[in-house]
Amino acid sequence: MGKPQYLIDSNTVIDYLNDKLLESGNRLLNEVVDQMPQVSVVTKIEVLGFNTKTEKAQQMLIDFIEVGFVYGLDDEVVNQTITLRKNYRMPSLLLLLSSMASLSSPAMPKILKIYKA
């Protein structure tokens, strides 16, 4: 079994790039980013729509997204989100991210265990 894969959310990307995470969080994200960052299309929209104070900061966000893998929305993701919505009480964005993770990553059971209704 390989290393676990992680689907990174918007706030984590922004906090990581702005060096606002704890040291342990930075270490984990460094490993995740070295493998290949994976984000949802929703995260891409939110991260690239974030108002930065400088062009350099904006370019850093663009570079982060461009080197990673962006999961789009397809029928499989939409249907999985609907199934999760019927079975778990989670915010809609978390449901969408959970759907994407469950279709691509062994990290999904941990997410559901934390947020199970």
Protein backbone atom coordinates (compact mmCIF):
# COMPACT_ATOMS: atom_id res chain seq x y z
CA MET A 1 0.00 0.00 0.00
CA GLY A 2 1.41 3.41 -0.99
CA LYS A 3 1.38 6.64 0.90
CA PRO A 4 -2.07 8.06 1.60
CA GLN A 5 -3.31 10.72 -0.76
CA TYR A 6 -4.93 13.92 0.48
CA LEU A 7 -7.41 16.28 -1.08
CA ILE A 8 -6.39 19.76 0.09
CA ASP A 9 -9.05 22.36 0.85
CA SER A 10 -8.90 26.09 0.10
CA ASN A 11 -8.09 27.38 3.58
CA THR A 12 -5.29 24.85 3.96
CA VAL A 13 -3.70 25.93 0.66
CA ILE A 14 -3.89 29.62 1.58
CA ASP A 15 -2.66 29.10 5.15
CA TYR A 16 0.16 26.83 3.97
CA LEU A 17 1.38 29.31 1.38
CA ASN A 18 1.14 32.15 3.92
CA ASP A 19 3.08 30.12 6.51
CA LYS A 20 0.20 30.15 9.01
CA LEU A 21 0.15 26.44 9.84
CA LEU A 22 1.70 24.83 12.88
CA GLU A 23 5.09 23.22 12.33
CA SER A 24 3.52 19.74 12.25
CA GLY A 25 1.00 20.94 9.65
CA ASN A 26 3.76 22.41 7.52
CA ARG A 27 5.71 19.13 7.65
CA LEU A 28 2.65 17.14 6.53
CA LEU A 29 1.79 19.59 3.76
CA ASN A 30 5.41 19.63 2.56
CA GLU A 31 5.20 15.85 2.10
CA VAL A 32 1.78 16.08 0.41
CA VAL A 33 2.94 18.83 -1.94
CA ASP A 34 6.13 16.90 -2.78
CA GLN A 35 3.95 13.96 -3.93
CA MET A 36 1.53 16.12 -5.93
CA PRO A 37 -1.05 18.51 -4.50
CA GLN A 38 -4.61 17.39 -5.19
CA VAL A 39 -7.47 19.87 -5.02
CA SER A 40 -11.06 20.04 -6.17
CA VAL A 41 -12.30 22.40 -8.82
CA VAL A 42 -14.11 24.21 -5.98
CA THR A 43 -10.78 24.74 -4.20
CA LYS A 44 -9.23 26.02 -7.43
CA ILE A 45 -12.04 28.57 -7.78
CA GLU A 46 -11.74 29.68 -4.16
CA VAL A 47 -7.93 29.84 -4.10
CA LEU A 48 -7.55 31.69 -7.39
CA GLY A 49 -10.46 33.97 -6.43
CA PHE A 50 -8.71 34.93 -3.18
CA ASN A 51 -7.76 38.61 -3.14
CA THR A 52 -4.04 38.78 -2.52
CA LYS A 53 -2.17 41.93 -1.60
CA THR A 54 0.61 41.47 -4.14
CA GLU A 55 1.15 40.03 -7.59
CA LYS A 56 3.83 37.77 -6.10
CA ALA A 57 1.29 36.27 -3.69
CA GLN A 58 -1.22 35.77 -6.53
CA GLN A 59 1.43 34.05 -8.64
CA MET A 60 2.26 31.75 -5.73
CA LEU A 61 -1.40 30.61 -5.64
CA ILE A 62 -1.45 30.12 -9.42
CA ASP A 63 1.78 28.10 -9.32
CA PHE A 64 0.46 25.89 -6.52
CA ILE A 65 -2.69 25.03 -8.48
CA GLU A 66 -0.82 24.52 -11.75
CA VAL A 67 1.61 21.93 -10.33
CA GLY A 68 -1.18 19.92 -8.74
CA PHE A 69 -4.05 17.77 -9.91
CA VAL A 70 -7.52 19.35 -10.01
CA TYR A 71 -10.53 17.04 -9.68
CA GLY A 72 -13.44 18.25 -11.74
CA LEU A 73 -17.13 17.64 -11.26
CA ASP A 74 -18.51 14.69 -13.13
CA ASP A 75 -21.58 12.49 -12.67
CA GLU A 76 -19.67 10.06 -10.46
CA VAL A 77 -18.69 12.84 -8.04
CA VAL A 78 -22.18 14.37 -8.10
CA ASN A 79 -23.84 11.00 -7.42
CA GLN A 80 -21.41 10.18 -4.61
CA THR A 81 -22.12 13.60 -3.05
CA ILE A 82 -25.86 12.90 -3.17
CA THR A 83 -25.35 9.53 -1.48
CA LEU A 84 -23.23 11.10 1.26
CA ARG A 85 -25.75 13.90 1.72
CA LYS A 86 -28.46 11.33 2.41
CA ASN A 87 -26.35 9.52 5.01
CA TYR A 88 -24.23 12.15 6.77
CA ARG A 89 -24.70 15.62 8.17
CA MET A 90 -21.87 17.71 6.81
CA PRO A 91 -21.61 21.13 5.16
CA SER A 92 -22.17 20.95 1.40
CA LEU A 93 -18.58 21.79 0.47
CA LEU A 94 -17.27 19.11 2.80
CA LEU A 95 -19.69 16.64 1.22
CA LEU A 96 -18.36 17.51 -2.22
CA LEU A 97 -14.74 17.20 -1.10
CA SER A 98 -15.54 13.94 0.67
CA SER A 99 -17.09 12.58 -2.51
CA MET A 100 -14.00 13.45 -4.49
CA ALA A 101 -11.75 11.96 -1.85
CA SER A 102 -13.74 8.74 -1.63
CA LEU A 103 -13.42 8.23 -5.35
CA SER A 104 -9.68 8.85 -5.35
CA SER A 105 -8.18 8.45 -1.91
CA PRO A 106 -7.96 6.05 1.04
CA ALA A 107 -8.19 9.11 3.32
CA MET A 108 -11.99 9.18 2.91
CA PRO A 109 -12.94 6.86 5.81
CA LYS A 110 -11.14 9.21 8.21
CA ILE A 111 -13.17 12.19 6.97
CA LEU A 112 -16.45 10.34 7.36
CA LYS A 113 -15.51 9.05 10.78
CA ILE A 114 -14.90 12.59 12.00
CA TYR A 115 -18.10 14.05 10.58
CA LYS A 116 -20.53 11.16 10.95
CA ALA A 117 -23.92 12.35 12.19
